[in-house]
Amino acid sequence: MRRAALLLALILLGACASYAGSSPKGARQVLIFSHTTGYRHDSIEPGKAALKALVEAEGARAVLSEDPEVFAPERLRDYAAIIFLSTTTDPKKRESEWLTGPRAEALQGFVRSGGGIVGIHAAADSHYFWPWYGRLIGGKFQRHPSGTPTGRLTVVDPRHPSTRGLPVQHERADEWYYYDDFDPTSRLLVTLDPASIGEPDANPNPISWTREVEGGRVFYTALGHTSESYSDPYFLRHVAGGLRWALAKR
């Protein structure tokens, strides 16, 4: 799976492919963080391999971790961006949250210094007891319909790097999130037609967006629940463009 993801990333990122598999000396570092205290997605393991390939194809060095101590202030200074890969906490247990105290302050300092954030899928299902985190991501997970039905996506902003070159409409199977406290000031990129998955609401459901928060850049996509996502050209191209945008200030 690791080799397949790497080869696919090379194809998708053509112009950057010369960097893949190794990082130049002094390259920017990207933290791929996948610690969970809530629901643990099976897709995290293939996701780590695929995201490592994407980071390296951007000419950066990927660092994978599930240790919350990586959020020590002196350690976060080493990174240009952080990818939160389905980093769940338990919405009923404050003690399940690891971004507290100095770690929370370190993340805020990282964002305020221009650091990039990439949130994937259940990064929105996290830290319900810390309002700043919800504002950072731009919404909090509320619910999802059962299973992984095939839904119809629409690119509403084709100019962004994460959507450039993607089809305006696309059908795919995934787990479809609905949100509390979605921030309408976010730059909306992709929406879901609720009727395509049998939902009664008429308004398109936000799926992917970007934000600029206190000096930092945040890209979020609700896609990525399934293991198959991490070998899917549509999804990988989407995330690669989001990462590239998030890294722009570093």
Protein backbone atom coordinates (compact mmCIF):
# COMPACT_ATOMS: atom_id res chain seq x y z
CA MET A 1 0.00 0.00 0.00
CA ARG A 2 2.83 2.41 0.87
CA ARG A 3 4.53 1.89 -2.49
CA ALA A 4 1.27 2.21 -4.42
CA ALA A 5 0.41 5.47 -2.65
CA LEU A 6 3.86 6.88 -3.39
CA LEU A 7 3.64 6.03 -7.09
CA LEU A 8 0.17 7.53 -7.33
CA ALA A 9 1.30 10.72 -5.63
CA LEU A 10 4.16 11.04 -8.10
CA ILE A 11 1.75 10.82 -11.01
CA LEU A 12 -0.61 13.38 -9.50
CA LEU A 13 2.02 15.92 -8.60
CA GLY A 14 4.03 15.81 -11.83
CA ALA A 15 5.98 19.01 -11.52
CA CYS A 16 6.96 18.24 -7.95
CA ALA A 17 7.75 14.59 -8.50
CA SER A 18 11.50 15.07 -8.54
CA TYR A 19 11.39 15.60 -4.77
CA ALA A 20 9.45 12.45 -3.89
CA GLY A 21 11.04 9.71 -1.84
CA SER A 22 13.59 12.05 -0.27
CA SER A 23 13.69 15.59 1.05
CA PRO A 24 16.29 18.25 0.25
CA LYS A 25 18.65 19.21 3.03
CA GLY A 26 17.02 21.93 5.10
CA ALA A 27 13.55 21.20 3.65
CA ARG A 28 10.44 22.39 5.44
CA GLN A 29 8.93 19.81 7.77
CA VAL A 30 5.27 18.81 7.91
CA LEU A 31 3.84 17.02 10.93
CA ILE A 32 1.32 14.27 10.13
CA PHE A 33 -0.50 13.76 13.42
CA SER A 34 -2.94 10.88 13.87
CA HIS A 35 -3.45 10.42 17.61
CA THR A 36 -7.01 9.49 18.64
CA THR A 37 -8.89 9.15 21.90
CA GLY A 38 -12.30 8.81 20.27
CA TYR A 39 -13.35 6.66 17.32
CA ARG A 40 -10.31 5.23 15.52
CA HIS A 41 -10.65 5.16 11.72
CA ASP A 42 -9.28 2.16 9.84
CA SER A 43 -8.21 4.59 7.12
CA ILE A 44 -5.56 6.19 9.32
CA GLU A 45 -2.85 3.65 8.47
CA PRO A 46 -3.16 3.89 4.66
CA GLY A 47 -3.68 7.62 5.16
CA LYS A 48 -0.31 8.05 6.86
CA ALA A 49 1.49 6.35 3.98
CA ALA A 50 -0.30 8.37 1.30
CA LEU A 51 0.13 11.69 3.09
CA LYS A 52 3.82 11.04 3.63
CA ALA A 53 4.16 10.61 -0.13
CA LEU A 54 2.26 13.83 -0.79
CA VAL A 55 4.39 15.81 1.64
CA GLU A 56 7.60 14.52 0.11
CA ALA A 57 6.32 15.28 -3.39
CA GLU A 58 5.99 18.90 -2.25
CA GLY A 59 9.70 18.92 -1.39
CA ALA A 60 9.08 18.83 2.37
CA ARG A 61 10.03 16.30 5.02
CA ALA A 62 7.18 14.31 6.58
CA VAL A 63 7.23 13.55 10.30
CA LEU A 64 4.60 11.07 11.51
CA SER A 65 3.58 11.11 15.15
CA GLU A 66 0.86 10.02 17.56
CA ASP A 67 2.58 11.51 20.60
CA PRO A 68 0.80 14.60 21.99
CA GLU A 69 4.13 15.76 23.41
CA VAL A 70 5.01 16.86 19.88
CA PHE A 71 2.90 19.94 20.68
CA ALA A 72 5.57 21.30 22.99
CA PRO A 73 6.34 24.91 21.93
CA GLU A 74 9.99 24.21 21.20
CA ARG A 75 9.06 21.28 18.94
CA LEU A 76 6.32 22.95 16.92
CA ARG A 77 8.80 25.58 15.74
CA ASP A 78 10.33 22.90 13.51
CA TYR A 79 7.22 22.57 11.32
CA ALA A 80 5.77 24.57 8.45
CA ALA A 81 2.39 22.78 8.57
CA ILE A 82 0.46 20.25 10.64
CA ILE A 83 -1.88 17.66 9.12
CA PHE A 84 -4.56 16.45 11.54
CA LEU A 85 -5.55 13.03 10.18
CA SER A 86 -8.92 12.05 11.71
CA THR A 87 -7.68 13.06 15.16
CA THR A 88 -10.81 12.30 17.20
CA THR A 89 -11.54 12.94 20.85
CA ASP A 90 -14.55 11.81 22.88
CA PRO A 91 -17.22 14.54 22.72
CA LYS A 92 -18.48 13.53 26.18
CA LYS A 93 -15.12 13.46 27.96
CA ARG A 94 -13.11 16.62 28.50
CA GLU A 95 -10.21 14.48 29.72
CA SER A 96 -9.90 12.86 26.29
CA GLU A 97 -8.54 16.12 24.86
CA TRP A 98 -4.76 16.44 24.58
CA LEU A 99 -4.53 20.02 23.32
CA THR A 100 -4.70 21.66 26.74
CA GLY A 101 -2.49 23.99 28.73
CA PRO A 102 0.95 24.58 27.15
CA ARG A 103 0.08 22.35 24.18
CA ALA A 104 -2.96 24.47 23.33
CA GLU A 105 -0.88 27.61 23.69
CA ALA A 106 1.78 26.11 21.43
CA LEU A 107 -0.75 25.38 18.68
CA GLN A 108 -2.13 28.90 18.93
CA GLY A 109 1.39 30.31 18.69
CA PHE A 110 2.10 28.11 15.68
CA VAL A 111 -1.00 29.36 13.85
CA ARG A 112 -0.33 32.98 14.78
CA SER A 113 3.20 32.72 13.40
CA GLY A 114 1.79 31.75 9.97
CA GLY A 115 1.80 27.97 10.32
CA GLY A 116 -0.39 25.90 8.01
CA ILE A 117 -3.12 23.51 9.16
CA VAL A 118 -4.63 20.70 7.09
CA GLY A 119 -7.63 18.98 8.68
CA ILE A 120 -8.84 15.70 7.22
CA HIS A 121 -12.24 14.14 7.93
CA ALA A 122 -12.52 13.55 11.70
CA ALA A 123 -10.20 16.44 12.51
CA ALA A 124 -13.59 18.16 12.95
CA ASP A 125 -14.66 15.46 15.45
CA SER A 126 -12.24 16.69 18.07
CA HIS A 127 -11.72 19.02 21.05
CA TYR A 128 -15.34 19.93 21.67
CA PHE A 129 -14.43 21.54 25.00
CA TRP A 130 -11.98 24.02 23.43
CA PRO A 131 -13.92 26.68 21.48
CA TRP A 132 -10.78 28.04 19.79
CA TYR A 133 -10.17 24.70 18.08
CA GLY A 134 -13.69 24.69 16.64
CA ARG A 135 -13.12 28.21 15.30
CA LEU A 136 -9.79 27.10 13.84
CA ILE A 137 -11.34 24.26 11.85
CA GLY A 138 -14.47 26.24 11.00
CA GLY A 139 -17.08 23.80 12.28
CA LYS A 140 -17.70 20.88 14.65
CA PHE A 141 -18.92 17.44 13.66
CA GLN A 142 -22.61 16.99 14.41
CA ARG A 143 -23.68 13.76 12.72
CA HIS A 144 -23.41 11.62 9.61
CA PRO A 145 -25.94 9.43 7.77
CA SER A 146 -25.41 5.70 8.14
CA GLY A 147 -22.74 3.98 6.07
CA THR A 148 -20.80 5.34 3.12
CA PRO A 149 -23.40 6.10 0.44
CA THR A 150 -22.46 7.48 -2.95
CA GLY A 151 -22.97 11.23 -2.99
CA ARG A 152 -22.70 13.93 -5.62
CA LEU A 153 -20.09 16.63 -5.03
CA THR A 154 -19.92 20.05 -6.65
CA VAL A 155 -16.81 22.22 -6.86
CA VAL A 156 -18.03 25.74 -6.07
CA ASP A 157 -14.60 27.40 -6.24
CA PRO A 158 -12.51 25.94 -9.09
CA ARG A 159 -9.75 28.55 -8.69
CA HIS A 160 -8.31 27.20 -5.46
CA PRO A 161 -5.25 24.89 -5.67
CA SER A 162 -7.20 22.10 -3.97
CA THR A 163 -9.96 22.11 -6.58
CA ARG A 164 -8.11 23.25 -9.69
CA GLY A 165 -8.44 20.55 -12.34
CA LEU A 166 -11.10 18.58 -10.46
CA PRO A 167 -14.40 17.88 -12.26
CA VAL A 168 -17.13 20.36 -11.38
CA GLN A 169 -19.33 17.43 -10.37
CA HIS A 170 -18.15 14.10 -9.06
CA GLU A 171 -19.76 11.07 -7.43
CA ARG A 172 -17.96 9.13 -4.71
CA ALA A 173 -18.65 7.00 -1.67
CA ASP A 174 -17.68 8.41 1.70
CA GLU A 175 -19.02 9.11 5.18
CA TRP A 176 -20.82 12.44 4.92
CA TYR A 177 -20.44 14.84 7.82
CA TYR A 178 -22.88 17.51 8.95
CA TYR A 179 -21.63 20.30 11.20
CA ASP A 180 -22.54 22.50 14.11
CA ASP A 181 -21.22 26.07 14.17
CA PHE A 182 -20.06 26.09 10.55
CA ASP A 183 -18.46 29.48 9.96
CA PRO A 184 -20.03 31.02 6.84
CA THR A 185 -17.06 33.34 6.43
CA SER A 186 -14.97 30.34 5.34
CA ARG A 187 -14.02 30.10 1.67
CA LEU A 188 -16.23 27.23 0.55
CA LEU A 189 -14.64 24.89 -2.00
CA VAL A 190 -16.77 21.74 -2.35
CA THR A 191 -20.37 20.92 -1.39
CA LEU A 192 -22.51 17.78 -1.26
CA ASP A 193 -26.01 17.50 -2.73
CA PRO A 194 -27.99 16.08 0.24
CA ALA A 195 -30.63 14.59 -2.04
CA SER A 196 -27.97 12.38 -3.63
CA ILE A 197 -27.60 10.50 -0.33
CA GLY A 198 -31.29 10.53 0.58
CA GLU A 199 -31.17 13.48 2.99
CA PRO A 200 -34.26 15.74 3.04
CA ASP A 201 -32.54 19.12 3.36
CA ALA A 202 -32.37 21.26 0.22
CA ASN A 203 -29.25 23.32 0.91
CA PRO A 204 -25.86 22.06 -0.26
CA ASN A 205 -23.81 20.67 2.62
CA PRO A 206 -20.27 22.05 3.12
CA ILE A 207 -17.58 19.44 2.49
CA SER A 208 -14.34 21.37 2.04
CA TRP A 209 -13.24 24.93 2.82
CA THR A 210 -10.31 27.15 3.71
CA ARG A 211 -9.83 29.77 6.38
CA GLU A 212 -7.26 32.31 7.42
CA VAL A 213 -7.18 32.33 11.20
CA GLU A 214 -5.04 34.71 13.26
CA GLY A 215 -2.29 34.73 10.65
CA GLY A 216 -2.34 31.02 9.77
CA ARG A 217 -3.88 29.14 6.85
CA VAL A 218 -6.37 26.32 7.41
CA PHE A 219 -7.56 23.83 4.78
CA TYR A 220 -10.23 21.30 5.77
CA THR A 221 -11.88 18.46 3.88
CA ALA A 222 -14.54 16.12 5.22
CA LEU A 223 -13.50 13.48 2.70
CA GLY A 224 -11.18 10.66 3.74
CA HIS A 225 -13.23 8.30 5.89
CA THR A 226 -12.61 5.23 3.72
CA SER A 227 -9.28 3.47 3.28
CA GLU A 228 -9.86 3.57 -0.47
CA SER A 229 -9.69 7.37 -0.38
CA TYR A 230 -5.93 7.22 0.06
CA SER A 231 -5.38 5.61 -3.32
CA ASP A 232 -8.05 7.70 -5.09
CA PRO A 233 -6.67 10.31 -7.54
CA TYR A 234 -9.54 12.76 -6.89
CA PHE A 235 -8.99 12.80 -3.14
CA LEU A 236 -5.19 12.87 -3.30
CA ARG A 237 -5.17 15.73 -5.76
CA HIS A 238 -7.62 17.62 -3.57
CA VAL A 239 -5.50 17.19 -0.43
CA ALA A 240 -2.22 17.91 -2.22
CA GLY A 241 -3.56 21.26 -3.41
CA GLY A 242 -4.84 22.07 0.06
CA LEU A 243 -1.44 21.27 1.58
CA ARG A 244 0.32 23.42 -1.02
CA TRP A 245 -1.96 26.36 -0.15
CA ALA A 246 -1.49 25.86 3.60
CA LEU A 247 2.30 25.90 3.18
CA ALA A 248 2.33 29.15 1.22
CA LYS A 249 3.26 31.36 4.18
CA ARG A 250 6.16 29.14 5.19
